[in-house]
N, C-alpha and C. Protein backbone atom coordinates (compact mmCIF):
# COMPACT_ATOMS: atom_id res chain seq x y z
N UNK A 1 172.91 226.53 103.34
CA UNK A 1 173.72 224.95 104.38
C UNK A 1 174.44 225.08 105.62
N UNK A 2 174.73 226.49 105.79
CA UNK A 2 175.18 227.16 107.32
C UNK A 2 174.28 226.92 108.26
N UNK A 3 172.69 227.06 107.67
CA UNK A 3 171.58 227.11 108.34
C UNK A 3 171.17 225.51 108.87
N UNK A 4 171.36 224.48 108.09
CA UNK A 4 170.99 223.37 107.83
C UNK A 4 172.38 222.65 108.62
N UNK A 5 172.99 222.99 108.81
CA UNK A 5 174.22 222.71 109.99
C UNK A 5 174.54 222.90 110.93
N UNK A 6 173.27 223.76 111.36
CA UNK A 6 173.52 224.36 112.68
C UNK A 6 171.56 223.22 113.08
N UNK A 7 171.35 223.32 112.15
CA UNK A 7 169.99 222.46 112.13
C UNK A 7 169.99 221.44 113.00
N UNK A 8 171.07 220.41 112.10
CA UNK A 8 171.47 219.42 112.49
C UNK A 8 172.18 219.25 113.76
N UNK A 9 172.95 219.99 114.09
CA UNK A 9 173.57 220.38 115.19
C UNK A 9 172.79 220.44 116.26
N UNK A 10 171.88 220.96 116.59
CA UNK A 10 170.90 221.13 117.27
C UNK A 10 170.33 220.17 117.51
N UNK A 11 169.74 219.35 116.69
CA UNK A 11 169.04 218.49 116.33
C UNK A 11 169.54 217.21 117.04
N UNK A 12 171.12 217.19 117.21
CA UNK A 12 171.94 216.00 117.79
C UNK A 12 171.98 216.69 119.24
N UNK A 13 172.25 217.68 119.30
CA UNK A 13 172.34 217.80 121.21
C UNK A 13 171.47 217.13 121.84
N UNK A 14 169.96 217.65 120.64
CA UNK A 14 168.78 217.41 121.71
C UNK A 14 168.48 215.88 121.52
N UNK A 15 168.78 215.39 120.93
CA UNK A 15 168.96 213.54 121.17
C UNK A 15 169.88 213.13 122.20
N UNK A 16 170.55 213.85 122.27
CA UNK A 16 171.66 213.23 123.17
C UNK A 16 171.33 213.49 124.83
N UNK A 17 170.54 214.91 124.49
CA UNK A 17 170.25 215.13 125.84
C UNK A 17 168.76 214.17 126.42
N UNK A 18 168.21 213.90 125.60
CA UNK A 18 166.86 213.09 125.91
C UNK A 18 167.19 211.81 126.31
N UNK A 19 168.55 211.58 125.77
CA UNK A 19 169.40 209.81 125.64
C UNK A 19 169.75 209.59 127.39
N UNK A 20 170.55 211.22 127.80
CA UNK A 20 171.42 211.10 128.92
C UNK A 20 170.02 211.20 130.12
N UNK A 21 168.47 212.14 129.66
CA UNK A 21 168.07 211.78 130.41
C UNK A 21 167.28 210.40 130.81
N UNK A 22 167.10 209.91 129.49
CA UNK A 22 166.37 208.87 129.67
C UNK A 22 167.47 207.96 130.50
N UNK A 23 168.78 207.48 130.49
CA UNK A 23 169.44 206.72 131.07
C UNK A 23 169.48 206.88 132.42
N UNK A 24 169.82 208.37 132.91
CA UNK A 24 170.00 209.05 134.42
C UNK A 24 168.49 208.31 134.85
N UNK A 25 166.91 208.33 134.43
CA UNK A 25 166.05 207.89 135.24
C UNK A 25 165.52 206.57 135.12
N UNK A 26 165.76 205.81 134.15
CA UNK A 26 165.61 204.25 133.76
C UNK A 26 166.57 203.44 133.93
N UNK A 27 167.83 203.12 133.73
CA UNK A 27 168.44 202.04 133.86
C UNK A 27 168.48 201.87 135.11
N UNK A 28 168.44 202.74 136.82
CA UNK A 28 168.30 202.12 137.80
C UNK A 28 166.97 201.13 138.19
N UNK A 29 166.43 201.58 137.08
CA UNK A 29 164.80 201.01 137.07
C UNK A 29 165.11 199.71 136.51
N UNK A 30 165.72 199.57 135.25
CA UNK A 30 165.83 198.55 134.82
C UNK A 30 167.05 197.15 135.67
N UNK A 31 167.95 197.89 136.65
CA UNK A 31 168.68 197.24 137.26
C UNK A 31 168.18 196.58 138.16
N UNK A 32 166.96 197.31 138.73
CA UNK A 32 166.23 196.74 139.72
C UNK A 32 165.02 195.84 139.21
N UNK A 33 164.93 195.51 137.77
CA UNK A 33 163.61 194.51 137.56
C UNK A 33 163.95 193.22 136.83
N UNK A 34 162.77 192.59 136.72
CA UNK A 34 163.37 191.29 136.36
C UNK A 34 163.56 191.73 135.05
N UNK A 35 163.79 190.45 133.91
CA UNK A 35 163.69 190.61 132.22
C UNK A 35 163.33 190.16 132.13
N UNK A 36 163.32 190.33 130.38
CA UNK A 36 162.33 189.82 129.44
C UNK A 36 163.33 189.33 128.47
N UNK A 37 163.30 187.80 127.58
CA UNK A 37 163.81 187.92 126.59
C UNK A 37 162.34 186.69 125.71
N UNK A 38 162.63 187.48 124.51
CA UNK A 38 161.97 187.00 123.00
C UNK A 38 162.52 185.66 122.75
N UNK A 39 162.16 184.61 122.94
CA UNK A 39 163.09 183.56 122.15
C UNK A 39 162.78 183.27 120.55
N UNK A 40 163.54 184.01 119.83
CA UNK A 40 163.39 183.45 118.62
C UNK A 40 163.75 182.56 117.59
N UNK A 41 163.63 181.48 118.16
CA UNK A 41 164.36 179.94 117.69
C UNK A 41 163.23 180.20 116.63
N UNK A 42 161.74 179.94 116.53
CA UNK A 42 161.24 179.04 115.93
C UNK A 42 160.85 179.48 114.33
N UNK A 43 161.43 180.05 114.12
CA UNK A 43 161.27 181.53 111.87
C UNK A 43 161.22 179.86 111.32
N UNK A 44 162.02 178.44 111.43
CA UNK A 44 161.49 177.54 110.43
C UNK A 44 159.94 177.10 110.35
N UNK A 45 159.65 177.24 111.78
CA UNK A 45 158.25 176.60 111.80
C UNK A 45 157.46 177.36 111.65
N UNK A 46 157.39 178.80 111.11
CA UNK A 46 156.37 180.08 110.59
C UNK A 46 156.67 180.15 109.24
N UNK A 47 155.44 180.77 108.56
CA UNK A 47 155.33 181.36 107.59
C UNK A 47 156.20 182.85 107.49
N UNK A 48 156.50 183.08 106.02
CA UNK A 48 156.76 184.67 106.10
C UNK A 48 155.70 185.72 106.04
N UNK A 49 154.16 185.29 106.15
CA UNK A 49 153.45 186.30 107.04
C UNK A 49 153.50 186.55 108.92
N UNK A 50 153.53 185.14 108.91
CA UNK A 50 153.86 184.82 110.37
C UNK A 50 155.45 186.41 111.12
N UNK A 51 156.54 185.65 110.12
CA UNK A 51 157.39 186.26 110.96
C UNK A 51 157.12 187.66 110.46
N UNK A 52 156.89 188.23 109.63
CA UNK A 52 156.22 189.64 109.51
C UNK A 52 155.75 190.21 111.00
N UNK A 53 155.02 189.55 111.12
CA UNK A 53 154.10 189.55 111.91
C UNK A 53 155.17 189.58 113.24
N UNK A 54 155.31 189.14 113.72
CA UNK A 54 156.37 188.89 114.66
C UNK A 54 157.52 190.26 114.91
N UNK A 55 157.94 190.42 113.58
CA UNK A 55 158.74 191.77 113.76
C UNK A 55 158.32 192.58 114.34
N UNK A 56 157.02 192.58 113.45
CA UNK A 56 155.77 193.88 114.38
C UNK A 56 155.88 193.68 115.47
N UNK A 57 155.32 192.94 115.97
CA UNK A 57 155.70 192.73 117.63
C UNK A 57 156.48 192.76 118.40
N UNK A 58 157.98 192.34 117.96
CA UNK A 58 159.22 193.39 118.32
C UNK A 58 159.34 194.68 118.65
N UNK A 59 158.79 194.83 117.26
CA UNK A 59 158.90 196.67 117.54
C UNK A 59 157.69 197.56 118.59
N UNK A 60 156.80 196.64 118.62
CA UNK A 60 155.77 196.83 119.56
C UNK A 60 156.36 196.81 121.32
N UNK A 61 156.88 195.61 121.47
CA UNK A 61 157.75 195.30 122.82
C UNK A 61 158.94 196.19 122.88
N UNK A 62 159.99 196.52 122.00
CA UNK A 62 160.50 197.84 122.14
C UNK A 62 160.02 199.25 122.52
N UNK A 63 159.08 199.67 121.57
CA UNK A 63 158.56 200.43 121.88
C UNK A 63 157.93 201.19 123.50
N UNK A 64 156.99 200.07 123.60
CA UNK A 64 156.22 199.82 124.88
C UNK A 64 157.61 200.09 126.05
N UNK A 65 158.64 198.99 126.23
CA UNK A 65 159.57 198.95 127.24
C UNK A 65 160.48 200.45 127.08
N UNK A 66 160.59 201.11 126.20
CA UNK A 66 160.86 202.61 125.68
C UNK A 66 160.03 203.70 126.32
N UNK A 67 158.95 203.38 126.67
CA UNK A 67 157.97 204.46 127.41
C UNK A 67 157.64 204.31 128.47
N UNK A 68 157.95 203.11 129.61
CA UNK A 68 156.95 202.44 130.14
C UNK A 68 157.70 203.24 131.46
N UNK A 69 156.71 202.74 132.39
CA UNK A 69 157.27 203.64 133.83
C UNK A 69 158.35 202.67 134.38
N UNK A 70 158.55 201.57 134.39
CA UNK A 70 159.50 200.45 135.11
C UNK A 70 159.72 199.75 133.88
N UNK A 71 161.11 199.83 133.13
CA UNK A 71 161.22 199.23 131.95
C UNK A 71 161.87 198.18 132.27
N UNK A 72 162.09 197.14 131.40
CA UNK A 72 163.02 196.18 132.19
C UNK A 72 164.37 195.90 131.02
N UNK A 73 165.16 195.06 131.01
CA UNK A 73 166.37 194.66 129.89
C UNK A 73 165.52 193.58 129.28
N UNK A 74 165.21 193.82 127.53
CA UNK A 74 164.88 193.43 127.00
C UNK A 74 165.45 192.85 126.10
N UNK A 75 165.68 191.37 125.88
CA UNK A 75 167.05 190.64 125.06
C UNK A 75 165.81 189.89 123.75
N UNK A 76 166.69 189.86 122.62
CA UNK A 76 165.68 188.49 121.79
C UNK A 76 166.89 187.84 121.35
N UNK A 77 166.26 186.75 121.68
CA UNK A 77 167.64 185.62 121.42
C UNK A 77 167.52 184.98 120.30
N UNK A 78 168.20 184.27 119.48
CA UNK A 78 168.24 183.41 118.08
C UNK A 78 167.69 184.46 116.96
N UNK A 79 168.18 185.98 117.14
CA UNK A 79 167.74 186.89 116.18
C UNK A 79 168.31 186.51 114.81
N UNK A 80 167.72 186.20 113.89
CA UNK A 80 168.44 185.94 112.52
C UNK A 80 167.88 185.26 111.81
N UNK A 81 168.09 185.44 110.49
CA UNK A 81 167.43 184.93 109.30
C UNK A 81 166.32 185.91 108.93
N UNK A 82 165.09 185.71 108.73
CA UNK A 82 163.93 186.69 108.09
C UNK A 82 163.73 187.62 108.95
N UNK A 83 163.14 187.27 110.49
CA UNK A 83 162.99 188.33 111.49
C UNK A 83 163.79 189.16 111.47
N UNK A 84 165.46 188.80 111.57
CA UNK A 84 166.52 189.73 111.68
C UNK A 84 166.69 190.39 110.55
N UNK A 85 166.28 190.18 109.26
CA UNK A 85 166.08 191.07 108.15
C UNK A 85 165.78 191.93 108.28
N UNK A 86 164.11 191.80 108.50
CA UNK A 86 163.12 192.72 108.68
C UNK A 86 163.38 194.07 109.36
N UNK A 87 163.76 193.27 110.77
CA UNK A 87 164.39 194.68 112.24
C UNK A 87 165.43 195.12 111.28
N UNK A 88 165.96 195.15 111.01
CA UNK A 88 167.42 195.53 110.51
C UNK A 88 167.05 196.82 109.66
N UNK A 89 166.01 196.46 108.74
CA UNK A 89 165.21 197.67 107.96
C UNK A 89 164.21 199.16 108.44
N UNK A 90 164.36 198.81 109.74
CA UNK A 90 163.77 199.53 110.89
C UNK A 90 164.66 200.16 110.87
N UNK A 91 164.35 201.62 111.01
CA UNK A 91 164.79 202.99 110.86
C UNK A 91 165.55 203.23 112.44
N UNK A 92 166.64 203.47 112.70
CA UNK A 92 167.48 203.29 114.37
C UNK A 92 167.64 202.18 114.88
N UNK A 93 167.29 200.75 114.48
CA UNK A 93 167.24 199.55 114.99
C UNK A 93 168.51 199.71 115.69
N UNK A 94 169.50 200.30 115.01
CA UNK A 94 171.18 200.00 115.70
C UNK A 94 171.12 200.75 116.90
N UNK A 95 170.04 201.77 117.28
CA UNK A 95 170.20 202.57 118.62
C UNK A 95 169.25 201.83 119.83
N UNK A 96 168.94 200.78 119.38
CA UNK A 96 167.87 200.13 120.24
C UNK A 96 168.61 199.57 121.41
N UNK A 97 169.77 199.63 121.25
CA UNK A 97 170.68 198.80 122.38
C UNK A 97 170.98 200.23 123.47
N UNK A 98 170.82 201.15 123.14
CA UNK A 98 170.72 202.18 124.16
C UNK A 98 169.70 202.72 125.22
N UNK A 99 168.54 201.97 124.64
CA UNK A 99 167.02 201.74 125.24
C UNK A 99 166.87 200.84 125.98
N UNK A 100 167.85 200.16 126.58
CA UNK A 100 167.76 199.04 127.58
C UNK A 100 167.29 197.55 126.51
N UNK A 101 167.65 197.52 125.55
CA UNK A 101 167.36 196.30 124.45
C UNK A 101 168.95 195.49 124.21
N UNK A 102 168.69 194.09 124.03
CA UNK A 102 169.36 193.49 123.42
C UNK A 102 169.25 192.25 122.43
N UNK A 103 169.87 192.06 121.29
CA UNK A 103 169.59 191.39 120.31
C UNK A 103 170.70 190.35 120.09
N UNK A 104 170.90 188.94 119.95
CA UNK A 104 172.01 188.28 120.04
C UNK A 104 171.03 186.85 118.89
N UNK A 105 172.09 186.26 118.03
CA UNK A 105 171.77 185.09 117.08
C UNK A 105 172.21 183.77 118.39
N UNK A 106 173.05 184.21 119.15
CA UNK A 106 172.52 182.78 120.43
C UNK A 106 171.22 182.26 121.18
N UNK A 107 170.91 180.91 121.07
CA UNK A 107 170.15 180.41 121.75
C UNK A 107 170.15 180.91 123.91
N UNK A 108 168.72 181.34 123.67
CA UNK A 108 168.86 182.12 125.32
C UNK A 108 169.65 181.31 126.28
N UNK A 109 169.76 180.06 125.91
CA UNK A 109 170.51 179.09 127.01
C UNK A 109 171.85 179.29 127.22
N UNK A 110 172.38 179.39 125.64
CA UNK A 110 173.54 180.19 125.37
C UNK A 110 173.90 181.53 125.76
N UNK A 111 173.18 182.31 125.91
CA UNK A 111 173.39 183.90 126.09
C UNK A 111 173.32 183.83 127.60
N UNK A 112 172.36 183.27 128.39
CA UNK A 112 172.24 183.59 129.77
C UNK A 112 173.60 182.28 130.86
N UNK A 113 174.67 182.35 130.27
CA UNK A 113 175.62 181.47 130.67
C UNK A 113 176.23 181.86 131.91
N UNK A 114 176.30 181.76 133.26
CA UNK A 114 177.16 182.68 134.03
C UNK A 114 178.75 183.22 133.32
N UNK A 115 178.42 184.06 134.12
CA UNK A 115 179.16 185.02 133.95
C UNK A 115 180.84 185.35 134.32
N UNK A 116 180.57 184.52 135.16
CA UNK A 116 182.64 184.03 136.07
C UNK A 116 183.17 183.11 135.36
N UNK A 117 182.33 181.69 134.76
CA UNK A 117 182.98 180.59 133.98
C UNK A 117 182.63 180.42 132.89
N UNK A 118 181.38 181.33 132.26
CA UNK A 118 181.26 181.30 131.15
C UNK A 118 180.90 179.69 130.90
N UNK A 119 180.33 178.94 131.10
CA UNK A 119 180.34 177.55 131.11
C UNK A 119 178.66 177.22 131.82
N UNK A 120 178.93 177.17 133.02
CA UNK A 120 177.48 176.94 133.63
C UNK A 120 176.43 177.75 132.95
N UNK A 121 175.14 177.23 133.46
CA UNK A 121 173.73 178.18 132.93
C UNK A 121 173.28 178.37 133.74
N UNK A 122 172.58 180.02 133.79
CA UNK A 122 171.83 180.12 134.92
C UNK A 122 170.65 179.72 134.96
N UNK A 123 170.19 178.72 134.82
CA UNK A 123 168.44 177.80 134.34
C UNK A 123 167.93 178.34 135.63
N UNK A 124 168.80 178.25 136.99
CA UNK A 124 167.56 178.29 138.02
C UNK A 124 166.76 180.31 137.66
N UNK A 125 167.74 180.57 137.28
CA UNK A 125 167.14 182.74 136.71
C UNK A 125 166.09 182.28 135.62
N UNK A 126 165.82 181.50 134.93
CA UNK A 126 165.11 181.29 133.69
C UNK A 126 163.40 180.84 133.95
N UNK A 127 162.11 181.65 133.64
CA UNK A 127 160.96 181.03 133.58
C UNK A 127 160.52 181.19 132.02
N UNK A 128 160.19 180.49 131.62
CA UNK A 128 159.68 180.31 130.16
C UNK A 128 157.81 180.25 130.61
N UNK A 129 157.47 181.35 129.99
CA UNK A 129 155.67 181.80 129.94
C UNK A 129 155.28 181.13 128.67
N UNK A 130 154.23 179.92 129.13
CA UNK A 130 153.08 179.65 127.89
C UNK A 130 152.34 179.24 128.87
N UNK A 131 151.48 179.51 127.80
CA UNK A 131 149.68 178.93 128.26
C UNK A 131 149.40 177.35 127.80
N UNK A 132 150.37 176.83 127.68
CA UNK A 132 150.02 175.28 127.95
C UNK A 132 150.87 174.84 129.51
N UNK A 133 151.42 175.35 130.11
CA UNK A 133 152.28 175.14 131.35
C UNK A 133 150.88 174.77 132.58
N UNK A 134 150.89 173.64 132.91
CA UNK A 134 150.55 173.40 134.57
C UNK A 134 150.33 173.90 135.56
N UNK A 135 151.56 174.79 135.77
CA UNK A 135 152.27 175.75 136.24
C UNK A 135 151.22 177.50 136.52
N UNK A 136 150.68 177.84 137.42
CA UNK A 136 150.32 179.39 137.30
C UNK A 136 151.13 180.06 138.17
N UNK A 137 151.56 181.31 137.27
CA UNK A 137 152.20 182.06 138.13
C UNK A 137 151.92 183.00 138.76
N UNK A 138 152.03 183.16 140.03
CA UNK A 138 151.58 183.86 141.16
C UNK A 138 152.08 185.94 141.01
N UNK A 139 153.31 185.41 141.15
CA UNK A 139 154.30 186.86 141.00
C UNK A 139 155.49 186.69 140.54
N UNK A 140 155.72 187.76 139.85
CA UNK A 140 156.95 188.29 139.18
C UNK A 140 158.11 188.26 140.14
N UNK A 141 159.47 187.95 140.22
CA UNK A 141 160.59 187.94 141.14
C UNK A 141 161.90 188.94 140.47
N UNK A 142 162.14 189.93 140.83
CA UNK A 142 162.92 190.63 140.35
C UNK A 142 164.68 190.34 139.67
N UNK A 143 164.80 188.79 140.35
CA UNK A 143 165.69 188.49 139.80
C UNK A 143 165.51 186.91 138.94
N UNK A 144 164.69 187.11 138.01
CA UNK A 144 163.99 185.70 136.58
C UNK A 144 164.13 186.63 135.71
N UNK A 145 164.47 186.01 134.71
CA UNK A 145 164.34 186.16 133.28
C UNK A 145 163.24 185.52 132.93
N UNK A 146 161.99 185.84 132.04
CA UNK A 146 160.81 185.52 131.86
C UNK A 146 160.50 185.52 130.62
N UNK A 147 160.77 184.03 129.79
CA UNK A 147 161.13 184.15 128.49
C UNK A 147 159.80 184.12 127.81
N UNK A 148 159.55 184.68 126.68
CA UNK A 148 158.08 184.53 125.88
C UNK A 148 158.48 184.09 124.44
N UNK A 149 157.95 183.07 124.13
CA UNK A 149 158.33 182.35 122.60
C UNK A 149 157.42 183.22 121.46
N UNK A 150 158.46 183.34 120.90
CA UNK A 150 158.40 184.55 119.44
C UNK A 150 157.21 183.48 118.54
N UNK A 151 156.46 183.28 118.95
CA UNK A 151 155.16 182.39 118.22
C UNK A 151 153.76 183.69 117.64
N UNK A 152 153.99 183.10 116.50
CA UNK A 152 152.31 183.92 115.78
C UNK A 152 151.47 183.11 115.81
N UNK A 153 151.03 181.95 115.30
CA UNK A 153 150.17 180.83 115.54
C UNK A 153 150.50 180.18 116.55
N UNK A 154 150.11 180.36 117.69
CA UNK A 154 150.35 179.23 118.63
C UNK A 154 148.83 178.08 118.73
N UNK A 155 148.03 178.35 117.78
CA UNK A 155 146.82 177.55 118.05
C UNK A 155 147.62 175.96 116.91
N UNK A 156 148.32 176.48 116.18
CA UNK A 156 149.04 175.86 115.11
C UNK A 156 149.96 174.62 115.60
N UNK A 157 151.03 175.52 116.53
CA UNK A 157 152.39 175.17 116.76
C UNK A 157 151.55 174.91 118.50
N UNK A 158 150.69 174.31 118.37
CA UNK A 158 150.41 174.42 120.17
C UNK A 158 151.44 173.03 120.68
N UNK A 159 151.70 173.94 121.89
CA UNK A 159 152.67 173.31 123.02
C UNK A 159 154.27 172.93 122.67
N UNK A 160 154.59 173.73 121.56
CA UNK A 160 155.71 174.05 121.28
C UNK A 160 157.08 174.70 121.87
N UNK A 161 156.31 175.37 122.57
CA UNK A 161 157.18 176.45 123.42
C UNK A 161 157.59 175.77 125.42
N UNK A 162 155.94 174.47 125.31
CA UNK A 162 156.13 174.14 126.72
C UNK A 162 157.11 172.62 126.50
N UNK A 163 157.15 172.73 125.02
CA UNK A 163 158.06 171.08 124.50
C UNK A 163 159.65 171.92 124.83
N UNK A 164 159.75 173.14 124.57
CA UNK A 164 161.30 174.01 124.43
C UNK A 164 161.64 173.71 126.04
N UNK A 165 160.71 174.16 126.92
CA UNK A 165 161.16 174.24 128.69
C UNK A 165 161.96 173.26 128.51
N UNK A 166 160.94 172.33 128.67
CA UNK A 166 160.79 170.88 129.26
C UNK A 166 162.49 170.33 128.62
N UNK A 167 162.95 170.60 127.09
CA UNK A 167 163.97 170.01 126.67
C UNK A 167 165.48 170.74 127.23
N UNK A 168 165.01 171.80 127.72
CA UNK A 168 166.16 172.26 128.41
C UNK A 168 166.18 172.26 129.41
N UNK A 169 164.85 172.12 130.61
CA UNK A 169 165.21 171.64 131.62
C UNK A 169 164.90 173.00 132.26
N UNK A 170 164.06 173.96 132.05
CA UNK A 170 163.95 175.46 132.89
C UNK A 170 162.65 175.24 133.65
N UNK A 171 162.51 176.38 134.35
CA UNK A 171 160.72 176.48 134.96
C UNK A 171 159.82 177.21 133.45
N UNK A 172 159.12 176.75 134.00
CA UNK A 172 157.62 176.97 133.05
C UNK A 172 156.58 177.74 133.50
N UNK A 173 155.31 177.86 132.71
CA UNK A 173 154.35 178.84 133.73
C UNK A 173 153.44 179.25 132.96
N UNK A 174 152.02 179.69 133.34
CA UNK A 174 151.52 180.55 132.71
C UNK A 174 150.80 181.84 133.20
N UNK A 175 150.42 182.94 133.04
CA UNK A 175 149.90 183.98 133.28
C UNK A 175 148.16 183.48 134.23
N UNK A 176 148.02 183.97 135.61
CA UNK A 176 147.16 183.53 136.06
C UNK A 176 145.98 184.32 135.39
N UNK A 177 145.56 183.91 134.12
CA UNK A 177 144.10 184.37 133.41
C UNK A 177 142.66 184.15 134.14
N UNK A 178 142.76 182.86 134.49
CA UNK A 178 141.44 181.92 135.09
C UNK A 178 141.63 182.68 136.66
N UNK A 179 142.44 182.88 137.52
CA UNK A 179 142.44 183.51 138.79
C UNK A 179 142.01 184.86 138.76
N UNK A 180 142.51 185.71 137.49
CA UNK A 180 141.91 187.09 137.57
C UNK A 180 140.92 187.17 136.70
N UNK A 181 140.60 186.94 136.13
CA UNK A 181 139.39 187.01 134.84
C UNK A 181 138.08 185.98 135.32
N UNK A 182 136.90 187.00 135.97
CA UNK A 182 135.68 185.91 135.90
C UNK A 182 135.36 185.66 134.93
N UNK A 183 135.41 185.91 133.61
CA UNK A 183 134.94 185.56 132.78
C UNK A 183 136.49 185.36 131.61
N UNK A 184 136.08 184.11 131.41
CA UNK A 184 137.75 184.01 130.64
C UNK A 184 137.41 184.45 129.20
N UNK A 185 138.74 184.79 128.26
CA UNK A 185 138.30 185.44 127.13
C UNK A 185 138.09 184.26 126.31
N UNK A 186 137.50 184.40 124.94
CA UNK A 186 137.64 183.35 123.79
C UNK A 186 138.67 182.46 123.68
N UNK A 187 139.99 183.16 123.65
CA UNK A 187 140.97 182.34 123.71
C UNK A 187 141.83 182.70 124.62
N UNK A 188 142.86 181.70 125.27
CA UNK A 188 143.81 182.46 126.13
C UNK A 188 145.13 182.73 125.71
N UNK A 189 145.40 182.75 124.45
CA UNK A 189 145.90 182.65 123.61
C UNK A 189 146.60 184.16 123.22
N UNK A 190 147.57 184.81 123.79
CA UNK A 190 147.93 186.41 123.50
C UNK A 190 148.73 186.41 122.81
N UNK A 191 149.15 187.94 122.35
CA UNK A 191 150.41 187.83 121.16
C UNK A 191 151.42 188.33 121.85
N UNK A 192 153.05 188.32 121.60
CA UNK A 192 154.06 188.59 122.36
C UNK A 192 153.73 189.60 122.92
N UNK A 193 153.70 190.40 122.22
CA UNK A 193 153.35 192.30 122.66
C UNK A 193 152.60 192.68 123.95
N UNK A 194 151.47 191.51 123.74
CA UNK A 194 150.26 191.71 124.78
C UNK A 194 151.06 190.77 126.46
N UNK A 195 151.46 189.69 126.20
CA UNK A 195 152.34 189.61 127.38
C UNK A 195 153.30 190.26 127.82
N UNK A 196 154.27 190.58 126.87
CA UNK A 196 155.13 191.73 127.02
C UNK A 196 154.81 192.95 128.05
N UNK A 197 153.41 193.46 127.22
CA UNK A 197 152.99 194.37 127.83
C UNK A 197 152.36 194.32 129.57
N UNK A 198 151.70 193.26 129.78
CA UNK A 198 151.32 192.82 130.78
C UNK A 198 152.09 192.71 131.83
N UNK A 199 153.50 192.29 131.56
CA UNK A 199 154.58 191.80 132.66
C UNK A 199 154.99 193.21 133.34
N UNK A 200 155.28 194.09 132.39
CA UNK A 200 155.26 195.54 132.80
C UNK A 200 154.83 196.18 133.22
N UNK A 201 153.42 196.16 132.94
CA UNK A 201 151.79 196.80 133.91
C UNK A 201 151.85 195.98 135.31
N UNK A 202 152.41 194.76 135.16
CA UNK A 202 151.99 194.08 136.53
C UNK A 202 152.95 194.72 137.65
N UNK A 203 154.24 195.29 137.17
CA UNK A 203 155.35 195.77 138.16
C UNK A 203 154.27 197.28 138.37
N UNK A 204 154.15 198.23 137.16
CA UNK A 204 153.60 199.28 137.47
C UNK A 204 152.22 199.81 138.23
N UNK A 205 151.49 198.51 138.27
CA UNK A 205 150.51 198.51 139.03
C UNK A 205 150.71 197.80 140.60
N UNK A 206 151.97 197.90 140.86
CA UNK A 206 151.79 197.21 142.09
C UNK A 206 152.06 195.64 142.33
N UNK A 207 151.98 194.86 141.21
CA UNK A 207 151.92 193.80 141.33
C UNK A 207 150.29 193.30 141.33
N UNK A 208 149.68 194.24 140.54
CA UNK A 208 148.16 193.67 140.41
C UNK A 208 148.23 193.17 138.98
N UNK A 209 147.89 191.68 139.10
CA UNK A 209 147.48 191.30 137.79
C UNK A 209 146.31 191.33 137.14
N UNK A 210 145.38 191.44 137.83
CA UNK A 210 143.90 192.20 137.42
C UNK A 210 144.33 193.33 136.30
N UNK A 211 144.62 194.57 136.99
CA UNK A 211 144.43 195.58 136.57
C UNK A 211 146.03 195.63 135.26
N UNK A 212 146.74 194.89 135.65
CA UNK A 212 147.54 194.73 134.34
C UNK A 212 146.99 194.17 133.28
N UNK A 213 146.19 193.13 133.53
CA UNK A 213 145.27 192.50 132.60
C UNK A 213 144.46 193.42 131.77
N UNK A 214 143.73 194.16 132.33
CA UNK A 214 142.47 195.02 132.10
C UNK A 214 143.34 196.31 131.23
N UNK A 215 144.84 196.50 132.05
CA UNK A 215 145.32 197.44 130.82
C UNK A 215 145.45 196.95 129.60
N UNK A 216 146.15 195.83 129.23
CA UNK A 216 146.35 195.74 128.42
C UNK A 216 145.52 194.66 127.44
N UNK A 217 144.60 193.87 127.77
CA UNK A 217 144.08 192.75 126.99
C UNK A 217 143.16 193.67 126.12
N UNK A 218 143.33 193.36 124.96
CA UNK A 218 142.29 194.42 123.63
C UNK A 218 140.86 194.09 123.94
N UNK A 219 139.52 194.98 123.27
CA UNK A 219 138.47 194.56 123.70
C UNK A 219 137.83 193.36 123.49
N UNK A 220 138.54 192.90 122.17
CA UNK A 220 137.79 191.90 121.69
C UNK A 220 137.93 190.60 122.40
N UNK A 221 139.01 190.87 123.87
CA UNK A 221 139.48 189.69 124.60
C UNK A 221 139.34 190.61 125.88
N UNK A 222 138.24 191.23 126.05
CA UNK A 222 138.13 191.74 127.40
C UNK A 222 137.24 191.13 127.91
N UNK A 223 136.88 191.11 129.43
CA UNK A 223 136.14 190.40 130.28
C UNK A 223 136.22 190.78 131.49
N UNK A 224 135.07 190.43 132.44
CA UNK A 224 134.63 191.12 133.63
C UNK A 224 135.81 190.61 134.57
N UNK A 225 135.99 191.61 135.32
CA UNK A 225 137.27 191.28 136.36
C UNK A 225 136.76 191.35 137.86
């Protein structure tokens, strides 16, 4: 029993040491980087299987951000219902907040209010990323919050993210697939974790979209650059 207690103490010390090291190295990077928000307000439009897939994609996003060379503040908004319950079952979910993660049941428009007066919305900082947008994003700005729609089957729910952006009168754009790929993939629809990874790789590769896309797109979507 004494040996077990000692081992637990040493394990706890090691965990706290790793956390301090991560904070010292990564928090300054997070503070100088753009933010990413995943909008989970579409649960009612999705099947149980799709929601389970979304929860898995959120786990991938968190894990990728934790290991990234240039992590960002990652927020999941409108997190409630089935998606929230699935994530609650994830071991260590309550500790994610210590690694650049935040979750809220608030809608992203409510969550991103001006900190000074709590009433005005920071809409000028929000950019909703959707493949249905007519606007092509050329570069990422460090003072922006990029929103990814938490949708699994975008073909079935086509246009819903763009509708959400227009409903709340915020900027919207799509990734520059057409300008960076000489041969377009069979589909321009990417999963949430793919979009998340592309944004982080863009920063890691010094604002090079082609390299970011090449790193993240799976082989079945790979194309010539």
